[in-house]
N, C-alpha and C. Protein backbone atom coordinates (compact mmCIF):
# COMPACT_ATOMS: atom_id res chain seq x y z
N MET A 1 16.17 3.74 -33.67
CA MET A 1 15.15 3.59 -32.57
C MET A 1 15.85 3.84 -31.32
N SER A 2 15.28 4.33 -30.25
CA SER A 2 15.96 4.46 -29.13
C SER A 2 15.79 3.67 -28.17
N GLU A 3 16.80 3.22 -27.32
CA GLU A 3 16.61 2.28 -26.14
C GLU A 3 15.43 2.43 -25.47
N PRO A 4 15.04 1.23 -25.02
CA PRO A 4 13.66 1.57 -24.15
C PRO A 4 13.83 1.79 -22.82
N PHE A 5 12.97 2.66 -21.96
CA PHE A 5 13.38 3.46 -20.87
C PHE A 5 13.40 2.14 -19.85
N ARG A 6 14.28 2.61 -18.91
CA ARG A 6 14.57 1.45 -17.83
C ARG A 6 14.04 2.03 -16.50
N ILE A 7 12.92 1.25 -15.87
CA ILE A 7 12.91 1.25 -14.26
C ILE A 7 13.18 0.03 -13.75
N LEU A 8 13.48 1.17 -12.50
CA LEU A 8 13.62 0.14 -11.26
C LEU A 8 12.87 0.45 -10.20
N VAL A 9 12.13 -0.97 -9.66
CA VAL A 9 11.32 -0.96 -8.36
C VAL A 9 12.10 -1.44 -7.18
N ILE A 10 11.81 -0.40 -6.53
CA ILE A 10 12.32 -0.93 -5.04
C ILE A 10 10.90 -1.12 -3.85
N ASP A 11 10.86 -2.15 -3.75
CA ASP A 11 9.72 -2.67 -2.21
C ASP A 11 10.13 -4.29 -1.99
N ASP A 12 9.94 -3.83 -0.66
CA ASP A 12 10.44 -4.82 -0.06
C ASP A 12 9.68 -6.24 0.25
N GLU A 13 7.76 -5.68 -0.66
CA GLU A 13 7.12 -6.36 -0.60
C GLU A 13 6.84 -6.94 -1.91
N ALA A 14 7.34 -8.36 -1.79
CA ALA A 14 7.23 -9.51 -3.27
C ALA A 14 6.66 -9.20 -4.22
N SER A 15 4.99 -9.11 -3.61
CA SER A 15 3.57 -9.09 -4.24
C SER A 15 3.91 -8.12 -5.02
N ILE A 16 4.42 -6.66 -4.59
CA ILE A 16 3.66 -5.31 -4.87
C ILE A 16 5.12 -5.47 -6.18
N ARG A 17 5.75 -5.72 -5.83
CA ARG A 17 7.37 -5.66 -6.42
C ARG A 17 7.01 -6.33 -7.91
N GLU A 18 6.30 -7.92 -7.52
CA GLU A 18 6.31 -8.72 -9.09
C GLU A 18 5.10 -8.18 -9.61
N SER A 19 4.37 -7.67 -9.19
CA SER A 19 2.67 -6.88 -9.79
C SER A 19 3.30 -5.54 -10.33
N LEU A 20 4.27 -4.52 -9.72
CA LEU A 20 4.66 -3.34 -10.62
C LEU A 20 5.41 -3.84 -12.01
N CYS A 21 6.46 -5.06 -11.52
CA CYS A 21 7.40 -4.92 -12.57
C CYS A 21 6.62 -5.85 -13.68
N ALA A 22 5.66 -6.36 -13.64
CA ALA A 22 4.97 -7.09 -14.46
C ALA A 22 3.70 -6.28 -15.22
N PHE A 23 3.25 -5.66 -14.43
CA PHE A 23 2.68 -4.31 -15.13
C PHE A 23 3.44 -3.50 -16.30
N LEU A 24 4.49 -2.96 -15.47
CA LEU A 24 5.18 -2.01 -16.59
C LEU A 24 5.54 -2.80 -17.84
N GLU A 25 6.00 -3.64 -17.54
CA GLU A 25 6.45 -4.79 -18.66
C GLU A 25 5.76 -4.64 -19.94
N ASP A 26 4.18 -4.77 -19.38
CA ASP A 26 3.06 -5.03 -20.63
C ASP A 26 3.23 -4.08 -21.41
N TYR A 27 3.63 -2.40 -20.74
CA TYR A 27 3.81 -1.19 -21.09
C TYR A 27 5.26 -1.00 -22.18
N ASP A 28 5.89 -2.29 -22.45
CA ASP A 28 6.98 -2.01 -22.62
C ASP A 28 8.01 -1.12 -22.37
N TYR A 29 8.44 -1.33 -20.69
CA TYR A 29 9.47 -0.79 -20.25
C TYR A 29 10.67 -2.13 -19.72
N VAL A 30 11.90 -2.08 -19.75
CA VAL A 30 12.28 -2.78 -19.37
C VAL A 30 12.58 -2.44 -17.76
N VAL A 31 12.39 -3.39 -16.82
CA VAL A 31 12.32 -3.51 -15.75
C VAL A 31 12.81 -4.21 -14.44
N ASP A 32 13.69 -4.00 -13.76
CA ASP A 32 14.53 -4.72 -12.95
C ASP A 32 13.54 -4.29 -10.92
N SER A 33 14.06 -5.13 -10.10
CA SER A 33 13.74 -4.68 -9.34
C SER A 33 14.53 -4.99 -7.73
N ALA A 34 14.48 -4.41 -7.24
CA ALA A 34 15.06 -4.33 -5.68
C ALA A 34 14.32 -4.66 -4.56
N GLU A 35 14.72 -5.12 -3.10
CA GLU A 35 13.80 -5.26 -2.10
C GLU A 35 14.05 -4.43 -0.80
N SER A 36 15.57 -4.12 -1.30
CA SER A 36 16.13 -2.63 -0.28
C SER A 36 16.68 -1.69 -0.97
N ALA A 37 16.99 -0.84 -0.24
CA ALA A 37 17.66 0.49 -1.03
C ALA A 37 18.83 -0.13 -0.89
N GLU A 38 19.51 -0.94 -0.22
CA GLU A 38 20.76 -1.47 -0.12
C GLU A 38 21.42 -2.14 -1.79
N GLU A 39 20.04 -2.98 -2.31
CA GLU A 39 20.41 -4.21 -2.92
C GLU A 39 20.18 -3.00 -4.24
N ALA A 40 19.41 -1.82 -4.09
CA ALA A 40 19.12 -1.11 -5.52
C ALA A 40 20.29 -0.11 -5.54
N LEU A 41 20.74 0.22 -4.81
CA LEU A 41 22.41 1.14 -5.09
C LEU A 41 23.40 0.42 -5.93
N GLU A 42 23.09 -1.00 -5.37
CA GLU A 42 24.45 -1.52 -6.00
C GLU A 42 24.02 -2.26 -7.61
N MET A 43 22.64 -2.01 -7.67
CA MET A 43 21.77 -1.98 -8.99
C MET A 43 22.59 -0.75 -9.79
N LEU A 44 22.36 0.04 -9.21
CA LEU A 44 22.51 1.79 -9.69
C LEU A 44 24.12 1.33 -10.58
N HIS A 45 25.07 1.20 -9.46
CA HIS A 45 26.47 0.97 -9.80
C HIS A 45 26.87 0.60 -11.17
N GLN A 46 25.91 -0.88 -11.32
CA GLN A 46 26.22 -1.55 -12.75
C GLN A 46 25.29 -0.99 -13.70
N GLU A 47 23.96 -0.59 -13.75
CA GLU A 47 23.34 -0.52 -14.54
C GLU A 47 22.77 1.19 -14.98
N ARG A 48 22.08 1.20 -15.63
CA ARG A 48 21.58 2.74 -15.90
C ARG A 48 20.13 2.57 -15.90
N PHE A 49 19.58 3.40 -15.00
CA PHE A 49 18.08 3.45 -15.23
C PHE A 49 17.58 4.81 -15.31
N ASP A 50 16.49 4.96 -16.05
CA ASP A 50 15.72 6.19 -15.95
C ASP A 50 14.99 6.41 -15.05
N LEU A 51 14.30 5.53 -14.10
CA LEU A 51 13.01 6.05 -13.18
C LEU A 51 13.49 4.88 -11.88
N ALA A 52 13.07 5.52 -11.00
CA ALA A 52 13.07 4.43 -10.12
C ALA A 52 11.51 4.37 -9.11
N ILE A 53 11.21 3.83 -8.84
CA ILE A 53 9.97 3.64 -8.13
C ILE A 53 9.94 3.03 -6.68
N VAL A 54 9.60 3.93 -5.79
CA VAL A 54 10.45 3.64 -4.47
C VAL A 54 9.44 3.75 -3.53
N ASP A 55 9.76 2.57 -2.57
CA ASP A 55 8.68 2.23 -1.37
C ASP A 55 9.23 2.85 -0.51
N MET A 56 8.81 4.01 0.56
CA MET A 56 9.51 4.88 1.77
C MET A 56 9.89 3.83 2.84
N ARG A 57 9.23 2.94 3.22
CA ARG A 57 9.66 1.89 4.43
C ARG A 57 10.25 0.63 4.07
N LEU A 58 11.14 0.64 3.76
CA LEU A 58 12.36 -0.51 3.62
C LEU A 58 13.11 -1.29 4.72
N PRO A 59 13.40 -2.24 4.59
CA PRO A 59 14.37 -2.61 5.80
C PRO A 59 16.00 -2.45 5.27
N GLY A 60 16.66 -1.91 6.55
CA GLY A 60 17.90 -0.97 6.40
C GLY A 60 17.46 0.40 5.92
N GLU A 61 18.15 1.26 4.90
CA GLU A 61 17.89 2.46 4.45
C GLU A 61 16.53 2.72 4.41
N SER A 62 16.09 3.92 4.41
CA SER A 62 14.71 3.70 4.01
C SER A 62 14.64 4.53 2.96
N GLY A 63 13.47 5.00 2.12
CA GLY A 63 13.35 5.09 0.54
C GLY A 63 13.81 6.53 0.64
N ASP A 64 13.42 7.16 1.36
CA ASP A 64 14.10 9.01 0.94
C ASP A 64 15.67 9.07 1.45
N VAL A 65 16.33 8.24 2.02
CA VAL A 65 17.76 7.97 2.12
C VAL A 65 18.47 7.36 0.73
N PHE A 66 17.98 6.27 0.03
CA PHE A 66 18.22 5.93 -0.86
C PHE A 66 17.55 6.85 -2.40
N ILE A 67 16.73 7.83 -1.74
CA ILE A 67 16.85 8.48 -3.53
C ILE A 67 18.08 10.04 -3.01
N VAL A 68 18.27 10.12 -2.23
CA VAL A 68 19.29 10.86 -1.81
C VAL A 68 20.60 10.53 -2.28
N LYS A 69 20.90 9.19 -2.36
CA LYS A 69 22.17 8.59 -2.60
C LYS A 69 21.99 8.21 -4.22
N ALA A 70 21.16 7.98 -4.63
CA ALA A 70 20.93 7.68 -5.74
C ALA A 70 21.04 8.75 -6.69
N ALA A 71 20.68 9.82 -6.22
CA ALA A 71 20.57 11.00 -7.16
C ALA A 71 21.79 11.86 -7.48
N ARG A 72 22.46 11.27 -6.20
CA ARG A 72 23.98 11.51 -6.32
C ARG A 72 25.18 10.73 -7.34
N LEU A 73 24.36 9.43 -7.24
CA LEU A 73 25.10 8.37 -8.26
C LEU A 73 24.58 8.13 -9.72
N MET A 74 23.22 8.95 -9.90
CA MET A 74 22.99 8.89 -11.60
C MET A 74 21.58 10.29 -11.34
N GLU A 75 22.49 11.23 -11.66
CA GLU A 75 21.99 12.80 -11.86
C GLU A 75 20.75 13.09 -12.68
N ASN A 76 20.74 11.86 -13.95
CA ASN A 76 19.17 11.69 -14.67
C ASN A 76 18.16 11.31 -13.89
N LEU A 77 18.49 10.62 -13.05
CA LEU A 77 17.34 9.63 -12.39
C LEU A 77 16.22 10.41 -11.93
N ARG A 78 15.04 9.73 -12.36
CA ARG A 78 13.88 10.55 -11.87
C ARG A 78 13.39 9.38 -10.51
N PHE A 79 12.04 9.95 -10.35
CA PHE A 79 12.05 9.39 -8.92
C PHE A 79 10.01 9.22 -8.75
N LEU A 80 9.48 8.23 -8.39
CA LEU A 80 8.00 7.97 -8.07
C LEU A 80 8.09 7.69 -6.79
N ILE A 81 7.29 7.82 -6.05
CA ILE A 81 7.30 7.04 -4.28
C ILE A 81 5.69 6.46 -4.44
N HIS A 82 6.06 5.43 -3.92
CA HIS A 82 5.14 4.48 -3.79
C HIS A 82 5.06 3.77 -2.37
N THR A 83 4.26 4.27 -1.84
CA THR A 83 4.16 4.17 -0.32
C THR A 83 2.72 3.61 0.26
N GLY A 84 2.71 2.78 1.62
CA GLY A 84 1.55 2.59 2.32
C GLY A 84 1.28 3.59 3.42
N SER A 85 2.73 4.35 3.79
CA SER A 85 2.41 5.29 5.17
C SER A 85 1.64 6.80 4.63
N VAL A 86 0.35 6.00 5.32
CA VAL A 86 -0.84 7.47 5.19
C VAL A 86 0.10 8.51 5.66
N GLU A 87 1.23 8.88 6.54
CA GLU A 87 1.62 9.87 7.31
C GLU A 87 2.71 10.50 6.39
N PHE A 88 2.80 10.19 5.27
CA PHE A 88 4.19 10.64 4.73
C PHE A 88 3.72 11.49 4.04
N HIS A 89 5.01 12.25 4.13
CA HIS A 89 4.77 13.88 3.63
C HIS A 89 6.08 13.97 3.26
N LEU A 90 6.33 15.07 1.97
CA LEU A 90 7.86 15.30 1.41
C LEU A 90 8.28 16.09 2.04
N THR A 91 9.40 15.51 2.53
CA THR A 91 10.35 16.18 3.26
C THR A 91 11.24 17.34 1.88
N ASP A 92 11.76 18.41 2.89
CA ASP A 92 12.58 19.42 1.87
C ASP A 92 13.67 19.04 1.16
N THR A 93 14.31 17.89 1.83
CA THR A 93 15.40 16.86 0.57
C THR A 93 14.68 16.67 -0.39
N LEU A 94 13.32 15.68 0.19
CA LEU A 94 13.03 15.35 -1.64
C LEU A 94 12.63 16.29 -1.97
N LYS A 95 12.06 16.96 -1.69
CA LYS A 95 11.55 18.40 -2.62
C LYS A 95 12.86 19.03 -3.61
N GLN A 96 14.02 18.92 -2.92
CA GLN A 96 15.12 19.67 -3.63
C GLN A 96 15.58 18.53 -4.75
N GLN A 97 14.93 17.22 -4.52
CA GLN A 97 15.46 16.24 -5.90
C GLN A 97 14.72 16.17 -7.12
N GLY A 98 13.36 17.37 -6.75
CA GLY A 98 12.38 17.62 -8.13
C GLY A 98 11.21 16.45 -7.55
N ILE A 99 10.95 16.26 -6.60
CA ILE A 99 9.72 15.13 -6.09
C ILE A 99 8.83 16.20 -5.36
N THR A 100 7.55 15.86 -6.73
CA THR A 100 6.57 16.96 -6.02
C THR A 100 5.31 16.05 -5.34
N ALA A 101 4.06 16.56 -5.14
CA ALA A 101 3.18 16.06 -4.22
C ALA A 101 2.25 14.79 -5.80
N GLU A 102 2.92 15.46 -7.22
CA GLU A 102 2.15 14.62 -8.11
C GLU A 102 2.93 13.22 -8.45
N HIS A 103 4.25 13.17 -7.49
CA HIS A 103 5.03 11.88 -7.81
C HIS A 103 4.60 11.21 -6.69
N VAL A 104 3.62 11.29 -5.54
CA VAL A 104 3.28 10.19 -4.95
C VAL A 104 2.13 9.78 -4.73
N TYR A 105 2.42 8.25 -5.15
CA TYR A 105 0.99 7.55 -4.91
C TYR A 105 1.22 6.26 -3.52
N LEU A 106 -0.35 6.88 -3.13
CA LEU A 106 -0.56 5.57 -2.09
C LEU A 106 -0.88 4.52 -2.18
N LYS A 107 -0.50 3.21 -1.74
CA LYS A 107 -0.84 1.63 -1.74
C LYS A 107 -1.92 1.82 -1.14
N PRO A 108 -2.78 0.79 -1.35
CA PRO A 108 -2.96 0.06 -2.66
C PRO A 108 -3.58 0.94 -3.34
N LEU A 109 -2.86 0.74 -4.32
CA LEU A 109 -3.20 1.51 -5.69
C LEU A 109 -4.74 0.62 -6.33
N ASN A 110 -5.23 1.30 -6.81
CA ASN A 110 -6.79 0.54 -7.55
C ASN A 110 -6.26 0.27 -9.00
N ASP A 111 -5.65 1.12 -9.55
CA ASP A 111 -5.71 1.51 -10.65
C ASP A 111 -4.55 1.74 -11.13
N LEU A 112 -3.56 0.54 -11.99
CA LEU A 112 -2.15 0.89 -11.64
C LEU A 112 -2.23 2.01 -12.94
N THR A 113 -2.80 1.98 -13.94
CA THR A 113 -2.42 2.84 -15.06
C THR A 113 -2.28 4.17 -14.68
N VAL A 114 -3.07 4.71 -13.29
CA VAL A 114 -2.20 6.04 -12.82
C VAL A 114 -1.16 6.18 -12.77
N LEU A 115 -0.36 4.81 -12.15
CA LEU A 115 1.37 4.89 -11.95
C LEU A 115 1.74 5.02 -13.38
N VAL A 116 1.54 4.22 -14.44
CA VAL A 116 1.96 4.20 -15.66
C VAL A 116 1.82 5.73 -16.25
N GLU A 117 0.61 6.53 -16.17
CA GLU A 117 0.82 7.83 -16.47
C GLU A 117 1.76 9.00 -15.80
N GLY A 118 1.79 8.74 -14.46
CA GLY A 118 3.10 9.37 -13.63
C GLY A 118 4.49 8.90 -14.54
N VAL A 119 4.60 7.91 -14.53
CA VAL A 119 5.99 7.33 -14.98
C VAL A 119 6.20 8.30 -16.64
N ARG A 120 5.17 7.94 -18.18
CA ARG A 120 5.17 8.44 -18.71
C ARG A 120 5.56 10.02 -18.78
N ASN A 121 4.97 10.66 -17.80
CA ASN A 121 4.96 12.07 -17.68
C ASN A 121 6.19 12.13 -17.67
N LEU A 122 7.15 11.95 -16.19
CA LEU A 122 8.37 12.08 -15.80
C LEU A 122 9.58 11.56 -16.96
N LEU A 123 9.12 10.42 -17.51
CA LEU A 123 10.05 10.12 -18.79
C LEU A 123 10.28 10.90 -19.87
N ASN A 124 8.86 11.72 -20.25
CA ASN A 124 8.50 12.51 -21.55
C ASN A 124 9.11 13.75 -21.10
N LYS A 125 9.57 14.37 -19.73
CA LYS A 125 10.02 15.57 -19.41
C LYS A 125 11.45 15.15 -19.59
N LYS A 126 11.80 14.31 -19.31
CA LYS A 126 13.29 13.94 -19.75
C LYS A 126 14.14 13.76 -20.44
N LYS A 127 13.23 14.19 -21.79
CA LYS A 127 13.93 14.00 -23.59
C LYS A 127 14.27 15.50 -23.33
């Protein structure tokens, strides 16, 4: 039997972090969380993750800076963006990491199953 997929949720809002983690755990994913890019990068040095769900506006380094650094550290890591910024647009740097518009989810998500579908789609491409 294969190991369960591991997901890292990075969001500075505790309520969003906790609800995403609990929801994803209900789908049998192993989920960890971090409240900053710096904390998440430290976790990547210690553990393997398959996918990161990243808020763009974080204290300290931004989500897009985290994505670039994390992709260098763990080349098979996949990313979904979960942002409350209505002005957010994909930069060329993020596109170079393989992120497309279908990987971006705007807060608040009224139906988290949409996010789970995005997680499944990305992780299934990884096989």
